[in-house]
PDB file of N, CA and C in Angstrom:
ATOM      1  N   MET A   1      83.471  33.862  55.031  1.00  0.00           N
ATOM      2  CA  MET A   1      83.432  34.632  54.050  1.00  0.00           C
ATOM      3  C   MET A   1      82.973  34.131  52.398  1.00  0.00           C
ATOM      4  N   THR A   2      83.430  32.781  52.367  1.00  0.00           N
ATOM      5  CA  THR A   2      83.277  32.431  51.161  1.00  0.00           C
ATOM      6  C   THR A   2      82.409  31.156  51.165  1.00  0.00           C
ATOM      7  N   VAL A   3      81.959  30.742  50.037  1.00  0.00           N
ATOM      8  CA  VAL A   3      80.969  29.401  49.942  1.00  0.00           C
ATOM      9  C   VAL A   3      81.767  28.066  49.072  1.00  0.00           C
ATOM     10  N   LYS A   4      82.217  27.409  49.596  1.00  0.00           N
ATOM     11  CA  LYS A   4      82.494  26.213  49.133  1.00  0.00           C
ATOM     12  C   LYS A   4      81.468  25.053  48.666  1.00  0.00           C
ATOM     13  N   LEU A   5      81.655  24.294  46.997  1.00  0.00           N
ATOM     14  CA  LEU A   5      81.016  23.491  46.854  1.00  0.00           C
ATOM     15  C   LEU A   5      81.897  22.268  46.563  1.00  0.00           C
ATOM     16  N   TRP A   6      81.754  21.132  47.236  1.00  0.00           N
ATOM     17  CA  TRP A   6      82.644  20.002  47.353  1.00  0.00           C
ATOM     18  C   TRP A   6      82.119  18.887  45.939  1.00  0.00           C
ATOM     19  N   ASP A   7      83.227  18.469  45.458  1.00  0.00           N
ATOM     20  CA  ASP A   7      82.504  17.153  45.127  1.00  0.00           C
ATOM     21  C   ASP A   7      83.063  16.135  45.565  1.00  0.00           C
ATOM     22  N   VAL A   8      81.590  15.020  46.141  1.00  0.00           N
ATOM     23  CA  VAL A   8      81.546  14.241  47.044  1.00  0.00           C
ATOM     24  C   VAL A   8      82.493  12.802  46.289  1.00  0.00           C
ATOM     25  N   GLN A   9      82.587  13.128  44.903  1.00  0.00           N
ATOM     26  CA  GLN A   9      83.471  11.939  44.125  1.00  0.00           C
ATOM     27  C   GLN A   9      84.617  11.585  45.069  1.00  0.00           C
ATOM     28  N   THR A  10      85.700  13.169  45.011  1.00  0.00           N
ATOM     29  CA  THR A  10      87.303  13.334  44.657  1.00  0.00           C
ATOM     30  C   THR A  10      87.115  13.666  46.574  1.00  0.00           C
ATOM     31  N   GLY A  11      86.548  14.173  46.863  1.00  0.00           N
ATOM     32  CA  GLY A  11      86.488  15.049  48.425  1.00  0.00           C
ATOM     33  C   GLY A  11      87.111  16.488  48.005  1.00  0.00           C
ATOM     34  N   GLY A  12      87.333  17.103  46.961  1.00  0.00           N
ATOM     35  CA  GLY A  12      88.038  18.266  46.698  1.00  0.00           C
ATOM     36  C   GLY A  12      87.143  19.274  46.761  1.00  0.00           C
ATOM     37  N   VAL A  13      87.596  20.189  46.559  1.00  0.00           N
ATOM     38  CA  VAL A  13      86.860  21.623  46.445  1.00  0.00           C
ATOM     39  C   VAL A  13      86.208  21.911  44.861  1.00  0.00           C
ATOM     40  N   ALA A  14      85.129  21.862  44.362  1.00  0.00           N
ATOM     41  CA  ALA A  14      85.002  22.005  43.093  1.00  0.00           C
ATOM     42  C   ALA A  14      84.600  23.592  42.591  1.00  0.00           C
ATOM     43  N   LYS A  15      84.210  24.563  43.502  1.00  0.00           N
ATOM     44  CA  LYS A  15      84.368  25.496  43.587  1.00  0.00           C
ATOM     45  C   LYS A  15      84.131  26.759  44.506  1.00  0.00           C
ATOM     46  N   THR A  16      84.886  28.154  44.430  1.00  0.00           N
ATOM     47  CA  THR A  16      84.532  28.346  45.492  1.00  0.00           C
ATOM     48  C   THR A  16      83.893  29.603  45.005  1.00  0.00           C
ATOM     49  N   PHE A  17      82.853  30.596  45.969  1.00  0.00           N
ATOM     50  CA  PHE A  17      82.128  31.595  45.500  1.00  0.00           C
ATOM     51  C   PHE A  17      82.607  32.684  46.796  1.00  0.00           C
ATOM     52  N   HIS A  18      83.427  33.657  46.166  1.00  0.00           N
ATOM     53  CA  HIS A  18      83.487  34.865  46.612  1.00  0.00           C
ATOM     54  C   HIS A  18      82.359  35.829  46.612  1.00  0.00           C
ATOM     55  N   GLY A  19      82.147  36.893  47.684  1.00  0.00           N
ATOM     56  CA  GLY A  19      81.501  38.097  47.528  1.00  0.00           C
ATOM     57  C   GLY A  19      80.615  38.469  49.015  1.00  0.00           C
ATOM     58  N   HIS A  20      80.660  37.570  49.515  1.00  0.00           N
ATOM     59  CA  HIS A  20      80.158  37.967  51.311  1.00  0.00           C
ATOM     60  C   HIS A  20      80.931  38.926  51.859  1.00  0.00           C
ATOM     61  N   THR A  21      80.694  39.988  52.674  1.00  0.00           N
ATOM     62  CA  THR A  21      81.707  40.611  53.320  1.00  0.00           C
ATOM     63  C   THR A  21      81.679  40.187  55.046  1.00  0.00           C
ATOM     64  N   GLY A  22      80.813  39.402  55.089  1.00  0.00           N
ATOM     65  CA  GLY A  22      80.852  38.981  56.733  1.00  0.00           C
ATOM     66  C   GLY A  22      80.610  37.455  56.789  1.00  0.00           C
ATOM     67  N   ALA A  23      80.524  36.276  57.493  1.00  0.00           N
ATOM     68  CA  ALA A  23      80.527  35.007  57.884  1.00  0.00           C
ATOM     69  C   ALA A  23      79.334  34.634  57.392  1.00  0.00           C
ATOM     70  N   VAL A  24      79.087  33.817  56.531  1.00  0.00           N
ATOM     71  CA  VAL A  24      78.201  33.061  55.715  1.00  0.00           C
ATOM     72  C   VAL A  24      77.577  31.666  56.837  1.00  0.00           C
ATOM     73  N   TRP A  25      76.415  32.257  56.881  1.00  0.00           N
ATOM     74  CA  TRP A  25      75.472  31.367  58.095  1.00  0.00           C
ATOM     75  C   TRP A  25      74.640  30.499  57.551  1.00  0.00           C
ATOM     76  N   SER A  26      73.957  30.320  56.192  1.00  0.00           N
ATOM     77  CA  SER A  26      73.293  29.590  55.693  1.00  0.00           C
ATOM     78  C   SER A  26      73.617  29.502  53.994  1.00  0.00           C
ATOM     79  N   VAL A  27      73.603  28.288  53.469  1.00  0.00           N
ATOM     80  CA  VAL A  27      73.613  27.724  52.250  1.00  0.00           C
ATOM     81  C   VAL A  27      72.603  26.485  52.013  1.00  0.00           C
ATOM     82  N   SER A  28      72.122  27.258  50.338  1.00  0.00           N
ATOM     83  CA  SER A  28      70.901  26.148  49.950  1.00  0.00           C
ATOM     84  C   SER A  28      71.396  25.524  48.630  1.00  0.00           C
ATOM     85  N   ILE A  29      70.918  24.327  48.118  1.00  0.00           N
ATOM     86  CA  ILE A  29      71.404  24.142  46.422  1.00  0.00           C
ATOM     87  C   ILE A  29      69.901  24.214  45.913  1.00  0.00           C
ATOM     88  N   SER A  30      69.665  24.407  45.012  1.00  0.00           N
ATOM     89  CA  SER A  30      68.670  24.121  43.941  1.00  0.00           C
ATOM     90  C   SER A  30      68.503  22.793  43.710  1.00  0.00           C
ATOM     91  N   ALA A  31      67.517  22.098  43.147  1.00  0.00           N
ATOM     92  CA  ALA A  31      66.995  20.684  43.659  1.00  0.00           C
ATOM     93  C   ALA A  31      67.765  20.322  42.164  1.00  0.00           C
ATOM     94  N   ASP A  32      67.694  21.023  41.158  1.00  0.00           N
ATOM     95  CA  ASP A  32      68.399  21.159  39.981  1.00  0.00           C
ATOM     96  C   ASP A  32      69.871  20.850  39.644  1.00  0.00           C
ATOM     97  N   HIS A  33      70.439  21.448  40.979  1.00  0.00           N
ATOM     98  CA  HIS A  33      71.727  21.793  41.463  1.00  0.00           C
ATOM     99  C   HIS A  33      72.538  22.774  40.397  1.00  0.00           C
ATOM    100  N   THR A  34      71.543  23.535  39.798  1.00  0.00           N
ATOM    101  CA  THR A  34      72.607  24.930  38.821  1.00  0.00           C
ATOM    102  C   THR A  34      72.442  26.146  39.570  1.00  0.00           C
ATOM    103  N   ARG A  35      71.960  26.157  40.764  1.00  0.00           N
ATOM    104  CA  ARG A  35      72.096  27.577  41.875  1.00  0.00           C
ATOM    105  C   ARG A  35      72.385  27.200  43.205  1.00  0.00           C
ATOM    106  N   VAL A  36      72.991  27.812  43.915  1.00  0.00           N
ATOM    107  CA  VAL A  36      73.637  27.925  45.250  1.00  0.00           C
ATOM    108  C   VAL A  36      72.881  29.482  45.787  1.00  0.00           C
ATOM    109  N   ALA A  37      72.345  28.902  46.674  1.00  0.00           N
ATOM    110  CA  ALA A  37      72.213  30.584  47.308  1.00  0.00           C
ATOM    111  C   ALA A  37      72.805  30.671  49.145  1.00  0.00           C
ATOM    112  N   SER A  38      72.752  31.461  49.646  1.00  0.00           N
ATOM    113  CA  SER A  38      73.983  32.111  50.791  1.00  0.00           C
ATOM    114  C   SER A  38      73.415  33.124  50.938  1.00  0.00           C
ATOM    115  N   GLY A  39      73.291  32.832  52.417  1.00  0.00           N
ATOM    116  CA  GLY A  39      73.100  34.180  53.606  1.00  0.00           C
ATOM    117  C   GLY A  39      73.761  34.358  54.162  1.00  0.00           C
ATOM    118  N   SER A  40      73.885  35.759  54.760  1.00  0.00           N
ATOM    119  CA  SER A  40      75.275  36.178  55.666  1.00  0.00           C
ATOM    120  C   SER A  40      75.084  37.105  56.562  1.00  0.00           C
ATOM    121  N   PHE A  41      76.295  36.891  57.235  1.00  0.00           N
ATOM    122  CA  PHE A  41      76.152  38.046  58.135  1.00  0.00           C
ATOM    123  C   PHE A  41      75.816  39.654  57.918  1.00  0.00           C
ATOM    124  N   ASP A  42      76.520  39.312  56.441  1.00  0.00           N
ATOM    125  CA  ASP A  42      76.547  40.847  55.782  1.00  0.00           C
ATOM    126  C   ASP A  42      75.294  41.317  55.397  1.00  0.00           C
ATOM    127  N   ASP A  43      74.390  40.928  55.877  1.00  0.00           N
ATOM    128  CA  ASP A  43      72.860  41.279  55.213  1.00  0.00           C
ATOM    129  C   ASP A  43      72.401  40.952  54.042  1.00  0.00           C
ATOM    130  N   ILE A  44      73.094  39.821  53.239  1.00  0.00           N
ATOM    131  CA  ILE A  44      72.861  39.786  52.129  1.00  0.00           C
ATOM    132  C   ILE A  44      72.696  38.070  51.575  1.00  0.00           C
ATOM    133  N   VAL A  45      71.850  38.196  50.458  1.00  0.00           N
ATOM    134  CA  VAL A  45      71.492  36.588  50.188  1.00  0.00           C
ATOM    135  C   VAL A  45      72.490  37.052  48.905  1.00  0.00           C
ATOM    136  N   HIS A  46      73.475  35.831  48.388  1.00  0.00           N
ATOM    137  CA  HIS A  46      73.534  35.522  46.986  1.00  0.00           C
ATOM    138  C   HIS A  46      73.558  34.346  46.283  1.00  0.00           C
ATOM    139  N   LEU A  47      73.140  34.855  45.097  1.00  0.00           N
ATOM    140  CA  LEU A  47      72.545  33.347  44.043  1.00  0.00           C
ATOM    141  C   LEU A  47      73.486  33.525  42.971  1.00  0.00           C
ATOM    142  N   TRP A  48      74.204  31.952  43.316  1.00  0.00           N
ATOM    143  CA  TRP A  48      75.407  31.591  42.207  1.00  0.00           C
ATOM    144  C   TRP A  48      74.788  30.363  41.518  1.00  0.00           C
ATOM    145  N   ASN A  49      75.428  30.575  40.490  1.00  0.00           N
ATOM    146  CA  ASN A  49      75.415  29.574  39.239  1.00  0.00           C
ATOM    147  C   ASN A  49      76.290  28.905  39.481  1.00  0.00           C
ATOM    148  N   THR A  50      76.339  27.158  39.875  1.00  0.00           N
ATOM    149  CA  THR A  50      77.127  26.282  40.182  1.00  0.00           C
ATOM    150  C   THR A  50      78.352  26.294  39.275  1.00  0.00           C
ATOM    151  N   GLN A  51      77.975  26.004  37.859  1.00  0.00           N
ATOM    152  CA  GLN A  51      78.945  26.015  36.808  1.00  0.00           C
ATOM    153  C   GLN A  51      79.950  27.382  36.632  1.00  0.00           C
ATOM    154  N   THR A  52      79.649  28.543  36.620  1.00  0.00           N
ATOM    155  CA  THR A  52      80.090  29.682  36.421  1.00  0.00           C
ATOM    156  C   THR A  52      81.285  30.154  37.593  1.00  0.00           C
ATOM    157  N   GLY A  53      80.439  29.964  38.733  1.00  0.00           N
ATOM    158  CA  GLY A  53      80.393  30.166  39.953  1.00  0.00           C
ATOM    159  C   GLY A  53      80.336  31.960  39.889  1.00  0.00           C
ATOM    160  N   GLU A  54      79.620  32.460  38.854  1.00  0.00           N
ATOM    161  CA  GLU A  54      79.206  33.582  38.734  1.00  0.00           C
ATOM    162  C   GLU A  54      77.924  34.186  40.000  1.00  0.00           C
ATOM    163  N   CYS A  55      77.656  35.247  40.566  1.00  0.00           N
ATOM    164  CA  CYS A  55      76.860  35.671  41.145  1.00  0.00           C
ATOM    165  C   CYS A  55      75.746  36.500  40.393  1.00  0.00           C
ATOM    166  N   LEU A  56      74.681  35.904  40.172  1.00  0.00           N
ATOM    167  CA  LEU A  56      73.505  35.771  39.802  1.00  0.00           C
ATOM    168  C   LEU A  56      72.565  37.339  40.253  1.00  0.00           C
ATOM    169  N   CYS A  57      72.525  37.061  41.713  1.00  0.00           N
ATOM    170  CA  CYS A  57      72.112  38.836  41.927  1.00  0.00           C
ATOM    171  C   CYS A  57      72.320  38.314  43.439  1.00  0.00           C
ATOM    172  N   GLN A  58      72.011  39.762  44.167  1.00  0.00           N
ATOM    173  CA  GLN A  58      71.965  39.982  45.950  1.00  0.00           C
ATOM    174  C   GLN A  58      70.836  40.266  46.144  1.00  0.00           C
ATOM    175  N   ILE A  59      70.260  40.054  47.193  1.00  0.00           N
ATOM    176  CA  ILE A  59      69.350  40.782  47.828  1.00  0.00           C
ATOM    177  C   ILE A  59      69.495  40.984  49.251  1.00  0.00           C
ATOM    178  N   ARG A  60      69.708  42.461  49.240  1.00  0.00           N
ATOM    179  CA  ARG A  60      69.784  42.906  50.558  1.00  0.00           C
ATOM    180  C   ARG A  60      68.804  42.951  51.346  1.00  0.00           C
ATOM    181  N   HIS A  61      69.094  42.466  53.049  1.00  0.00           N
ATOM    182  CA  HIS A  61      68.105  42.879  54.030  1.00  0.00           C
ATOM    183  C   HIS A  61      68.147  43.612  55.054  1.00  0.00           C
ATOM    184  N   GLN A  62      67.389  43.576  56.012  1.00  0.00           N
ATOM    185  CA  GLN A  62      67.926  44.860  57.118  1.00  0.00           C
ATOM    186  C   GLN A  62      68.492  44.222  58.232  1.00  0.00           C
ATOM    187  N   ASP A  63      68.732  42.572  58.694  1.00  0.00           N
ATOM    188  CA  ASP A  63      69.475  42.317  59.554  1.00  0.00           C
ATOM    189  C   ASP A  63      70.264  40.970  58.591  1.00  0.00           C
ATOM    190  N   THR A  64      71.113  40.007  59.841  1.00  0.00           N
ATOM    191  CA  THR A  64      71.553  38.967  59.382  1.00  0.00           C
ATOM    192  C   THR A  64      70.848  38.150  58.598  1.00  0.00           C
ATOM    193  N   VAL A  65      71.098  37.540  57.841  1.00  0.00           N
ATOM    194  CA  VAL A  65      70.162  36.284  57.075  1.00  0.00           C
ATOM    195  C   VAL A  65      70.791  34.883  57.684  1.00  0.00           C
ATOM    196  N   GLU A  66      70.038  34.479  58.635  1.00  0.00           N
ATOM    197  CA  GLU A  66      70.557  32.908  58.908  1.00  0.00           C
ATOM    198  C   GLU A  66      70.049  31.765  58.221  1.00  0.00           C
ATOM    199  N   HIS A  67      68.975  31.892  57.407  1.00  0.00           N
ATOM    200  CA  HIS A  67      68.649  31.091  56.983  1.00  0.00           C
ATOM    201  C   HIS A  67      68.242  31.061  55.565  1.00  0.00           C
ATOM    202  N   VAL A  68      68.535  29.873  54.344  1.00  0.00           N
ATOM    203  CA  VAL A  68      68.330  30.224  53.175  1.00  0.00           C
ATOM    204  C   VAL A  68      67.594  28.923  52.499  1.00  0.00           C
ATOM    205  N   ILE A  69      66.906  28.618  51.836  1.00  0.00           N
ATOM    206  CA  ILE A  69      66.449  27.287  50.914  1.00  0.00           C
ATOM    207  C   ILE A  69      65.214  27.821  50.152  1.00  0.00           C
ATOM    208  N   PHE A  70      65.414  26.677  49.460  1.00  0.00           N
ATOM    209  CA  PHE A  70      64.778  26.941  47.970  1.00  0.00           C
ATOM    210  C   PHE A  70      63.231  26.222  47.902  1.00  0.00           C
ATOM    211  N   SER A  71      62.369  26.396  47.625  1.00  0.00           N
ATOM    212  CA  SER A  71      61.123  25.696  47.793  1.00  0.00           C
ATOM    213  C   SER A  71      61.315  24.245  46.434  1.00  0.00           C
ATOM    214  N   PRO A  72      61.029  23.643  46.978  1.00  0.00           N
ATOM    215  CA  PRO A  72      60.521  22.166  46.478  1.00  0.00           C
ATOM    216  C   PRO A  72      59.701  22.706  45.021  1.00  0.00           C
ATOM    217  N   MET A  73      60.879  22.039  43.930  1.00  0.00           N
ATOM    218  CA  MET A  73      60.277  21.882  42.674  1.00  0.00           C
ATOM    219  C   MET A  73      59.435  20.913  42.387  1.00  0.00           C
ATOM    220  N   ASP A  74      58.408  21.129  41.480  1.00  0.00           N
ATOM    221  CA  ASP A  74      57.317  20.237  41.320  1.00  0.00           C
ATOM    222  C   ASP A  74      57.854  18.964  39.894  1.00  0.00           C
ATOM    223  N   PRO A  75      58.288  18.011  40.553  1.00  0.00           N
ATOM    224  CA  PRO A  75      58.676  17.353  38.847  1.00  0.00           C
ATOM    225  C   PRO A  75      57.856  16.888  37.893  1.00  0.00           C
TER     226      PRO A  75
END
């Protein structure tokens, strides 16, 4: 029910995102690394700020959210 952002340099947890009430099925990080999207068995997509850990918005669906992905950005 949480999402963890890992620091690949140290191997430690950089941030833990709390808010889902069901198992998290999918996570995606934006190309600029400023946002994380997570989809869950609780039928909700959360959009997180990677710096603050704040939930920026929640999008409710009618069923389990099995996949989330960011669209590629044009450089």
